[in-house]
Structures are given as structure tokens and as C-alpha cells.
């Protein structure tokens, strides 16, 4: 006969062996896709508090200097200042990794040539997801958004 302790131990063993259920790919992709659906009209960036603090510090420094600073002198979404007609229509989204707490979305598009960005998104409260990092993997134009913003805030 199985006692409660054995049953509890068996349940914990099975639960720990089960793979983590990843977040819904569509939810994660939608967060990034919305940046490309309305890239010219972004009222607020869907950033984590960490990235938002860096962004706000760079904006404050930019206003103090009355000129754009690193991280704010181009639109990270299009990896440039200008965009071509097919920049947004050519955008393709692919989940590279996905867990309960973090995912990475690869975005490829054309803008003066092939572009590749990687968005790291993390789970927040109430099932919301937030962008925690953006990296450009485009050869010759590699950057990490948090590093650019930190530099701009100096």
C-alpha cells in the first residue's frame, strides 16, 4: 500500500522530470510583430524596467545635450534612420528559443540590405511579456541596445 509520503515523492519526481511548458509562441511573436506593424507610431516601448531605465537615462542625456546620443540616433526596430518601402512587408519572425520565462525572437527584413535582429523577451506579471534586449546580428552593424543606451546615458 502506498502511503502519502511515497505518493507525494512520486508526484514531485514526475513534475520535476516533465519539460517546462513554454509560453505561447504567438503571444511572444505578437509583441515583436506589433513594433513592425506600427513602427512609426510608438508611444511607449514595451521594455522591461531594466531596459526602460537605460532608455530614459539616454533620453535625459540627449535632452541635456540637445542632440541625439548613442542608442537614440537611429530606430532600433529598422536598424537605421530611414527605411525602404519593403522594410515592414519583408519582416519575418521566428522563435529561436522559448521557455516559461524567456524567449528569443529572430526578425529578418530588408532595409538597405538584409537585416537580422534578435529580441530577448521575458515574462512579467499577469502573463505579460516585455522586451529585455535587442541585438543586431547584421554583419558590419552589430550592436546591443542596452550597451548603446548605457553609453548614451554617460
Protein backbone atom coordinates (compact mmCIF):
# COMPACT_ATOMS: atom_id res chain seq x y z
CA UNK A 1 0.00 0.00 0.00
CA UNK A 2 1.29 3.44 -0.94
CA UNK A 3 1.45 5.95 1.87
CA UNK A 4 1.07 9.71 1.43
CA UNK A 5 4.80 10.37 1.65
CA UNK A 6 5.54 7.97 -1.21
CA UNK A 7 2.71 9.41 -3.30
CA UNK A 8 3.97 12.98 -2.73
CA UNK A 9 7.53 11.96 -3.60
CA UNK A 10 6.32 10.25 -6.77
CA UNK A 11 4.32 13.34 -7.83
CA UNK A 12 7.27 15.68 -7.20
CA UNK A 13 9.59 13.40 -9.18
CA UNK A 14 7.21 13.30 -12.14
CA UNK A 15 6.63 17.07 -12.02
CA UNK A 16 10.35 17.83 -11.94
CA UNK A 17 11.01 15.45 -14.83
CA UNK A 18 8.30 16.98 -17.02
CA UNK A 19 9.58 19.54 -19.51
CA UNK A 20 8.79 23.18 -18.76
CA UNK A 21 5.78 24.38 -20.71
CA UNK A 22 6.95 27.18 -22.95
CA UNK A 23 4.87 30.28 -23.39
CA UNK A 24 2.62 30.58 -26.38
CA UNK A 25 4.74 31.38 -29.47
CA UNK A 26 2.00 33.60 -30.92
CA UNK A 27 1.88 35.78 -27.78
CA UNK A 28 5.63 36.31 -27.87
CA UNK A 29 5.79 36.90 -31.61
CA UNK A 30 2.88 39.36 -31.45
CA UNK A 31 4.80 41.59 -29.01
CA UNK A 32 7.65 41.99 -31.50
CA UNK A 33 5.43 42.00 -34.60
CA UNK A 34 3.50 45.00 -33.24
CA UNK A 35 6.71 47.06 -33.38
CA UNK A 36 6.78 46.45 -37.13
CA UNK A 37 3.05 46.97 -37.63
CA UNK A 38 3.24 50.47 -36.17
CA UNK A 39 6.96 51.31 -36.09
CA UNK A 40 6.44 54.97 -36.90
CA UNK A 41 3.85 55.47 -34.16
CA UNK A 42 5.30 54.00 -30.95
CA UNK A 43 4.01 55.85 -27.91
CA UNK A 44 5.84 53.65 -25.42
CA UNK A 45 8.43 50.96 -25.75
CA UNK A 46 7.41 47.57 -24.31
CA UNK A 47 10.66 47.38 -22.32
CA UNK A 48 11.46 45.69 -19.03
CA UNK A 49 12.17 48.08 -16.14
CA UNK A 50 15.92 47.49 -16.68
CA UNK A 51 15.87 48.47 -20.36
CA UNK A 52 13.34 51.25 -19.76
CA UNK A 53 15.63 52.82 -17.14
CA UNK A 54 18.53 52.79 -19.61
CA UNK A 55 16.29 54.29 -22.31
CA UNK A 56 15.05 57.05 -20.00
CA UNK A 57 18.62 57.87 -18.89
CA UNK A 58 19.73 58.13 -22.54
CA UNK A 59 16.73 60.34 -23.37
CA UNK A 60 17.54 62.61 -20.41
CA UNK A 61 21.17 62.90 -21.52
CA UNK A 62 20.08 63.58 -25.10
CA UNK A 63 17.81 66.41 -23.92
CA UNK A 64 20.61 67.80 -21.75
CA UNK A 65 23.00 67.87 -24.72
CA UNK A 66 20.24 68.89 -27.14
CA UNK A 67 21.38 66.23 -29.61
CA UNK A 68 20.84 62.52 -30.20
CA UNK A 69 23.01 60.21 -28.14
CA UNK A 70 24.10 56.63 -28.69
CA UNK A 71 21.12 54.32 -28.92
CA UNK A 72 18.76 57.16 -29.85
CA UNK A 73 20.36 58.29 -33.10
CA UNK A 74 18.58 55.61 -35.15
CA UNK A 75 15.45 53.47 -34.92
CA UNK A 76 16.49 50.12 -33.50
CA UNK A 77 13.39 48.44 -34.99
CA UNK A 78 14.54 49.10 -38.57
CA UNK A 79 18.27 49.21 -37.77
CA UNK A 80 18.59 52.62 -39.36
CA UNK A 81 17.27 56.14 -39.69
CA UNK A 82 15.42 55.65 -42.95
CA UNK A 83 13.52 52.72 -44.34
CA UNK A 84 12.54 51.42 -47.73
CA UNK A 85 9.07 50.54 -48.97
CA UNK A 86 9.53 46.84 -48.29
CA UNK A 87 11.13 47.15 -44.83
CA UNK A 88 7.95 46.27 -42.97
CA UNK A 89 6.37 43.94 -45.52
CA UNK A 90 9.57 41.92 -45.76
CA UNK A 91 9.75 41.33 -41.98
CA UNK A 92 9.78 37.67 -40.94
CA UNK A 93 9.55 36.47 -37.34
CA UNK A 94 10.92 33.23 -35.92
CA UNK A 95 11.03 31.94 -32.36
CA UNK A 96 14.63 30.85 -31.74
CA UNK A 97 14.13 29.74 -28.13
CA UNK A 98 11.22 29.70 -25.73
CA UNK A 99 10.78 28.80 -22.07
CA UNK A 100 8.35 29.79 -19.35
CA UNK A 101 10.35 32.91 -18.50
CA UNK A 102 12.35 33.95 -21.57
CA UNK A 103 12.22 33.73 -25.33
CA UNK A 104 14.27 34.94 -28.26
CA UNK A 105 12.68 36.16 -31.48
CA UNK A 106 14.68 36.45 -34.70
CA UNK A 107 13.47 39.16 -37.06
CA UNK A 108 14.78 39.40 -40.60
CA UNK A 109 13.86 42.10 -43.09
CA UNK A 110 15.24 44.26 -45.88
CA UNK A 111 16.37 47.80 -45.23
CA UNK A 112 19.27 48.84 -47.42
CA UNK A 113 20.16 45.15 -47.48
CA UNK A 114 19.36 42.11 -45.37
CA UNK A 115 18.93 42.82 -41.66
CA UNK A 116 18.76 40.46 -38.69
CA UNK A 117 17.73 41.47 -35.19
CA UNK A 118 17.27 39.30 -32.10
CA UNK A 119 14.78 40.29 -29.43
CA UNK A 120 15.05 38.79 -25.95
CA UNK A 121 11.66 38.93 -24.28
CA UNK A 122 10.93 37.98 -20.69
CA UNK A 123 7.79 37.07 -18.80
CA UNK A 124 6.38 39.62 -16.42
CA UNK A 125 3.42 39.77 -14.13
CA UNK A 126 -0.05 38.70 -15.24
CA UNK A 127 1.25 36.84 -18.29
CA UNK A 128 2.64 39.95 -19.99
CA UNK A 129 5.90 39.80 -21.93
CA UNK A 130 8.47 42.59 -22.17
CA UNK A 131 11.49 43.27 -24.34
CA UNK A 132 14.66 42.97 -22.28
CA UNK A 133 17.25 43.21 -25.04
CA UNK A 134 17.64 43.82 -28.76
CA UNK A 135 20.74 42.83 -30.71
CA UNK A 136 21.66 43.42 -34.32
CA UNK A 137 23.43 40.49 -35.94
CA UNK A 138 23.67 42.24 -39.29
CA UNK A 139 27.31 41.97 -40.45
CA UNK A 140 29.02 45.34 -40.10
CA UNK A 141 26.17 46.73 -37.99
CA UNK A 142 26.37 44.63 -34.82
CA UNK A 143 25.12 46.28 -31.64
CA UNK A 144 23.33 45.56 -28.37
CA UNK A 145 20.63 48.07 -27.40
CA UNK A 146 21.36 48.10 -23.66
CA UNK A 147 25.04 48.84 -24.34
CA UNK A 148 24.19 51.67 -26.74
CA UNK A 149 21.75 53.21 -24.27
CA UNK A 150 24.21 52.91 -21.38
CA UNK A 151 26.83 54.64 -23.49
CA UNK A 152 24.35 57.34 -24.48
CA UNK A 153 23.43 57.98 -20.87
CA UNK A 154 27.03 58.81 -19.88
